[in-house]
């Protein structure tokens, strides 16, 4: 029990969600669609047992990437890490869509030493010297995650898929979602469509109902999935992928996850 708890806390501290992670990672904006100029948005981030409810650990902001409509990188304002959540503000200096993402890339090493199982988590740069290269039963896994949200001031602007890791290329803009309407997204891996991926969508408020009410779908041969929104509100979008196309030479495989928060408005 103690070893399992220690491993869980260490994984959380690094903000590197494992495949089929026990906790949910998310970013929640105070608004997703705004009018006017120089608007402000506040974001909360957490690792929790319930979607959009603070009850476990804060989401670390060390690898936060904020991209403006013109491709420029912006800095968060007033960042704060609390016991159960992290938060920051963002000023929107121009019209268009902003992509806010916590992006992590690291490694996990597993080996045996004197008959005991050993584990280590960290970055690829730290691997040498931290893990014995000739250890028994040594396995090294590359682990990547992307946790993001989208905010639009004024008219929406196009969103491209990220070049590395898992992501989405929206065919329906993520800030133009309405109850009862169909939305289509493309799941991407290293910028290219990825077929056969199981996608999970869960509406917010899970804490206050007996059923999860998840929507499960799978991407088609073009990497597309579609969903018709049953209700308005915030939705937690999540999918995962494993392969052996690593960028860390010592790693035998890579485990990737993607999470986004989408707001669906009333019809």
Protein backbone atom coordinates (compact mmCIF):
# COMPACT_ATOMS: atom_id res chain seq x y z
CA UNK A 1 0.00 0.00 0.00
CA UNK A 2 2.78 2.47 0.92
CA UNK A 3 4.70 1.75 -2.28
CA UNK A 4 1.58 2.23 -4.39
CA UNK A 5 0.79 5.54 -2.68
CA UNK A 6 4.35 6.82 -3.11
CA UNK A 7 4.30 5.94 -6.81
CA UNK A 8 0.96 7.72 -7.28
CA UNK A 9 2.17 10.90 -5.60
CA UNK A 10 5.41 10.96 -7.57
CA UNK A 11 3.58 10.55 -10.85
CA UNK A 12 1.23 13.38 -9.95
CA UNK A 13 4.07 15.69 -8.96
CA UNK A 14 5.66 15.26 -12.39
CA UNK A 15 2.33 15.94 -14.14
CA UNK A 16 2.91 13.03 -16.52
CA UNK A 17 -0.39 11.13 -16.75
CA UNK A 18 0.05 7.40 -17.18
CA UNK A 19 -2.04 5.42 -19.59
CA UNK A 20 -5.30 4.60 -17.81
CA UNK A 21 -4.29 7.02 -15.05
CA UNK A 22 -6.18 6.82 -11.76
CA UNK A 23 -6.80 10.57 -11.74
CA UNK A 24 -8.09 13.10 -14.26
CA UNK A 25 -5.96 16.01 -15.49
CA UNK A 26 -7.69 19.18 -16.73
CA UNK A 27 -7.61 22.92 -17.40
CA UNK A 28 -10.83 24.90 -16.92
CA UNK A 29 -11.23 28.48 -18.28
CA UNK A 30 -13.66 30.92 -16.69
CA UNK A 31 -14.94 31.75 -20.19
CA UNK A 32 -14.34 30.25 -23.62
CA UNK A 33 -16.10 32.81 -25.85
CA UNK A 34 -15.69 36.55 -25.30
CA UNK A 35 -16.45 39.80 -27.13
CA UNK A 36 -14.76 43.16 -26.95
CA UNK A 37 -11.04 43.87 -26.70
CA UNK A 38 -8.32 43.08 -24.16
CA UNK A 39 -10.52 40.56 -22.35
CA UNK A 40 -9.29 38.56 -19.35
CA UNK A 41 -9.77 34.87 -18.61
CA UNK A 42 -8.90 32.99 -15.42
CA UNK A 43 -7.86 29.33 -15.57
CA UNK A 44 -7.96 26.61 -12.94
CA UNK A 45 -5.96 23.41 -13.33
CA UNK A 46 -6.08 20.26 -11.25
CA UNK A 47 -5.52 16.54 -10.97
CA UNK A 48 -8.72 15.17 -9.47
CA UNK A 49 -10.98 12.21 -8.81
CA UNK A 50 -13.95 14.01 -10.39
CA UNK A 51 -13.93 16.11 -13.55
CA UNK A 52 -13.68 19.84 -12.78
CA UNK A 53 -13.75 19.36 -9.00
CA UNK A 54 -10.71 20.16 -6.84
CA UNK A 55 -10.08 17.17 -4.59
CA UNK A 56 -6.57 15.79 -5.16
CA UNK A 57 -3.60 17.83 -6.43
CA UNK A 58 -2.85 20.96 -8.49
CA UNK A 59 -1.86 20.75 -12.14
CA UNK A 60 1.76 21.85 -12.49
CA UNK A 61 2.32 24.86 -14.77
CA UNK A 62 6.05 24.50 -15.48
CA UNK A 63 5.44 23.44 -19.10
CA UNK A 64 2.49 25.68 -19.88
CA UNK A 65 2.38 26.84 -23.53
CA UNK A 66 -0.05 29.61 -24.52
CA UNK A 67 -0.34 30.31 -28.24
CA UNK A 68 -2.16 33.37 -29.55
CA UNK A 69 -4.11 33.74 -32.82
CA UNK A 70 -1.02 35.00 -34.64
CA UNK A 71 1.17 32.14 -33.41
CA UNK A 72 2.95 34.21 -30.78
CA UNK A 73 3.65 32.66 -27.38
CA UNK A 74 2.10 34.47 -24.41
CA UNK A 75 2.91 34.36 -20.71
CA UNK A 76 0.33 33.69 -17.99
CA UNK A 77 -0.38 36.40 -15.45
CA UNK A 78 -0.61 35.87 -11.67
CA UNK A 79 0.26 32.16 -11.64
CA UNK A 80 -0.40 30.38 -8.35
CA UNK A 81 0.04 26.80 -7.15
CA UNK A 82 -2.18 25.86 -4.23
CA UNK A 83 -2.75 22.62 -2.37
CA UNK A 84 -5.63 21.41 -4.57
CA UNK A 85 -5.46 23.54 -7.70
CA UNK A 86 -3.30 25.85 -9.75
CA UNK A 87 -4.55 29.06 -11.34
CA UNK A 88 -3.45 31.86 -13.64
CA UNK A 89 -4.90 34.77 -15.62
CA UNK A 90 -4.57 35.45 -19.33
CA UNK A 91 -5.12 38.74 -21.13
CA UNK A 92 -6.33 38.41 -24.72
CA UNK A 93 -4.65 41.27 -26.61
CA UNK A 94 -6.23 40.55 -30.01
CA UNK A 95 -9.20 38.88 -31.66
CA UNK A 96 -9.06 35.18 -32.45
CA UNK A 97 -8.54 31.81 -30.80
CA UNK A 98 -6.00 31.08 -28.06
CA UNK A 99 -4.65 27.59 -27.33
CA UNK A 100 -3.63 27.00 -23.70
CA UNK A 101 -1.79 23.73 -23.08
CA UNK A 102 0.22 22.01 -20.36
CA UNK A 103 2.63 19.86 -22.39
CA UNK A 104 4.87 17.27 -20.76
CA UNK A 105 7.45 14.85 -22.13
CA UNK A 106 9.46 12.59 -19.84
CA UNK A 107 10.60 9.06 -19.18
CA UNK A 108 9.95 6.27 -16.71
CA UNK A 109 12.55 3.59 -15.95
CA UNK A 110 11.82 0.19 -14.41
CA UNK A 111 14.52 -2.28 -13.33
CA UNK A 112 15.61 -4.76 -10.68
CA UNK A 113 18.39 -4.18 -8.18
CA UNK A 114 19.42 -6.79 -5.60
CA UNK A 115 16.14 -8.57 -6.22
CA UNK A 116 14.02 -5.44 -5.63
CA UNK A 117 11.90 -3.62 -8.20
CA UNK A 118 13.08 -0.05 -8.83
CA UNK A 119 11.30 2.85 -10.53
CA UNK A 120 12.40 6.30 -11.61
CA UNK A 121 10.56 9.22 -13.24
CA UNK A 122 12.11 12.30 -14.82
CA UNK A 123 13.22 13.96 -18.04
CA UNK A 124 15.27 12.40 -20.81
CA UNK A 125 18.16 14.75 -19.98
CA UNK A 126 18.28 13.40 -16.42
CA UNK A 127 18.22 9.75 -17.45
CA UNK A 128 21.99 9.25 -17.71
CA UNK A 129 23.43 8.96 -14.23
CA UNK A 130 20.04 8.41 -12.59
CA UNK A 131 19.41 4.93 -13.97
CA UNK A 132 22.08 2.20 -14.20
CA UNK A 133 22.50 1.36 -17.89
CA UNK A 134 23.32 -2.31 -17.18
CA UNK A 135 20.54 -2.91 -14.65
CA UNK A 136 18.64 -6.18 -14.69
CA UNK A 137 15.32 -6.19 -16.56
CA UNK A 138 15.74 -2.52 -17.46
CA UNK A 139 12.78 -0.98 -19.29
CA UNK A 140 12.58 2.68 -20.27
CA UNK A 141 9.29 4.21 -21.39
CA UNK A 142 8.83 7.63 -22.96
CA UNK A 143 5.72 9.34 -21.57
CA UNK A 144 4.02 12.38 -23.04
CA UNK A 145 0.83 14.28 -22.28
CA UNK A 146 -1.06 17.32 -23.50
CA UNK A 147 -3.78 18.95 -21.38
CA UNK A 148 -5.42 21.95 -23.03
CA UNK A 149 -8.30 24.35 -23.49
CA UNK A 150 -9.35 26.86 -26.14
CA UNK A 151 -10.58 30.44 -25.74
CA UNK A 152 -11.82 32.79 -28.47
CA UNK A 153 -12.18 36.57 -28.39
CA UNK A 154 -14.35 37.83 -31.22
CA UNK A 155 -14.21 35.75 -34.41
CA UNK A 156 -12.68 32.24 -34.14
CA UNK A 157 -9.46 31.51 -36.01
CA UNK A 158 -8.27 28.10 -37.33
CA UNK A 159 -6.53 25.60 -35.05
CA UNK A 160 -3.77 23.37 -36.39
CA UNK A 161 -2.76 20.00 -34.97
CA UNK A 162 0.39 20.00 -32.79
CA UNK A 163 3.48 18.71 -34.58
CA UNK A 164 4.47 16.30 -31.79
CA UNK A 165 2.50 13.80 -29.74
CA UNK A 166 -1.26 13.48 -29.62
CA UNK A 167 -3.60 16.30 -30.53
CA UNK A 168 -6.73 17.30 -32.38
CA UNK A 169 -7.42 19.11 -35.63
CA UNK A 170 -10.96 20.46 -35.23
CA UNK A 171 -13.25 20.40 -38.25
CA UNK A 172 -15.84 22.03 -35.99
CA UNK A 173 -14.30 24.89 -34.03
CA UNK A 174 -14.04 24.04 -30.31
CA UNK A 175 -15.48 27.44 -29.40
CA UNK A 176 -18.49 26.98 -31.67
CA UNK A 177 -20.19 24.00 -30.02
CA UNK A 178 -23.94 23.89 -29.31
CA UNK A 179 -26.32 21.45 -27.67
CA UNK A 180 -28.05 19.20 -30.22
CA UNK A 181 -25.52 19.95 -32.96
CA UNK A 182 -22.89 17.60 -34.39
CA UNK A 183 -19.17 18.34 -34.08
CA UNK A 184 -16.32 16.62 -35.95
CA UNK A 185 -12.68 16.41 -34.87
CA UNK A 186 -9.58 14.66 -36.24
CA UNK A 187 -7.29 12.89 -33.76
CA UNK A 188 -3.65 13.36 -34.74
CA UNK A 189 -0.33 11.73 -33.87
CA UNK A 190 2.73 13.85 -34.65
CA UNK A 191 0.47 16.01 -36.82
CA UNK A 192 -1.02 13.16 -38.87
CA UNK A 193 -4.53 11.59 -38.60
CA UNK A 194 -4.71 8.55 -36.33
CA UNK A 195 -7.36 5.88 -36.93
CA UNK A 196 -8.79 3.34 -34.50
CA UNK A 197 -8.41 5.49 -31.37
CA UNK A 198 -11.03 5.21 -28.63
CA UNK A 199 -12.20 8.67 -27.56
CA UNK A 200 -13.96 9.36 -24.26
CA UNK A 201 -16.10 12.43 -23.54
CA UNK A 202 -17.55 13.02 -20.07
CA UNK A 203 -19.87 15.92 -19.17
CA UNK A 204 -19.05 17.98 -16.09
CA UNK A 205 -20.96 17.53 -12.86
CA UNK A 206 -20.04 13.85 -12.54
CA UNK A 207 -19.75 14.31 -8.77
CA UNK A 208 -23.48 15.03 -8.56
CA UNK A 209 -24.91 12.07 -10.47
CA UNK A 210 -24.86 8.30 -10.14
CA UNK A 211 -23.81 7.63 -13.73
CA UNK A 212 -20.70 8.87 -15.52
CA UNK A 213 -22.73 9.45 -18.72
CA UNK A 214 -19.61 9.07 -20.80
CA UNK A 215 -19.70 9.12 -24.59
CA UNK A 216 -17.34 6.57 -26.16
CA UNK A 217 -16.49 6.66 -29.86
CA UNK A 218 -13.64 5.54 -32.14
CA UNK A 219 -11.85 7.42 -34.91
CA UNK A 220 -12.47 6.22 -38.47
CA UNK A 221 -9.89 5.52 -41.19
CA UNK A 222 -9.40 9.28 -41.63
CA UNK A 223 -8.79 9.82 -37.92
CA UNK A 224 -12.18 11.51 -37.52
CA UNK A 225 -14.72 11.16 -34.76
CA UNK A 226 -18.02 12.95 -34.35
CA UNK A 227 -20.34 13.68 -31.47
CA UNK A 228 -23.80 15.23 -31.16
CA UNK A 229 -23.88 17.09 -27.85
CA UNK A 230 -26.76 15.85 -25.64
CA UNK A 231 -26.53 18.76 -23.18
CA UNK A 232 -24.87 22.12 -22.68
CA UNK A 233 -21.94 22.45 -20.27
CA UNK A 234 -18.29 21.58 -19.92
CA UNK A 235 -16.99 18.29 -21.37
CA UNK A 236 -13.79 16.40 -20.58
CA UNK A 237 -12.25 14.93 -23.76
CA UNK A 238 -9.62 12.20 -23.46
CA UNK A 239 -7.75 9.59 -25.51
CA UNK A 240 -4.46 7.66 -25.35
CA UNK A 241 -1.96 5.88 -27.62
CA UNK A 242 1.05 3.59 -27.33
CA UNK A 243 3.74 2.80 -29.90
CA UNK A 244 7.51 2.34 -30.25
CA UNK A 245 8.25 5.54 -32.20
CA UNK A 246 10.32 7.11 -29.45
CA UNK A 247 12.46 10.23 -29.62
CA UNK A 248 14.46 9.04 -26.59
CA UNK A 249 17.10 6.56 -27.87
CA UNK A 250 17.05 4.43 -24.70
CA UNK A 251 13.25 4.09 -24.63
CA UNK A 252 11.56 0.94 -25.91
CA UNK A 253 8.09 2.49 -26.23
CA UNK A 254 6.16 5.71 -25.74
CA UNK A 255 2.87 6.19 -23.90
CA UNK A 256 0.90 9.29 -24.90
CA UNK A 257 -2.28 10.91 -23.61
CA UNK A 258 -4.40 13.88 -24.65
CA UNK A 259 -7.02 15.78 -22.65
CA UNK A 260 -9.06 18.87 -23.51
CA UNK A 261 -11.88 20.85 -21.95
CA UNK A 262 -14.69 21.79 -24.34
CA UNK A 263 -17.63 24.05 -23.53
CA UNK A 264 -20.96 23.33 -25.21
CA UNK A 265 -23.44 26.23 -25.24
CA UNK A 266 -27.26 26.04 -25.13
CA UNK A 267 -29.05 25.78 -28.48
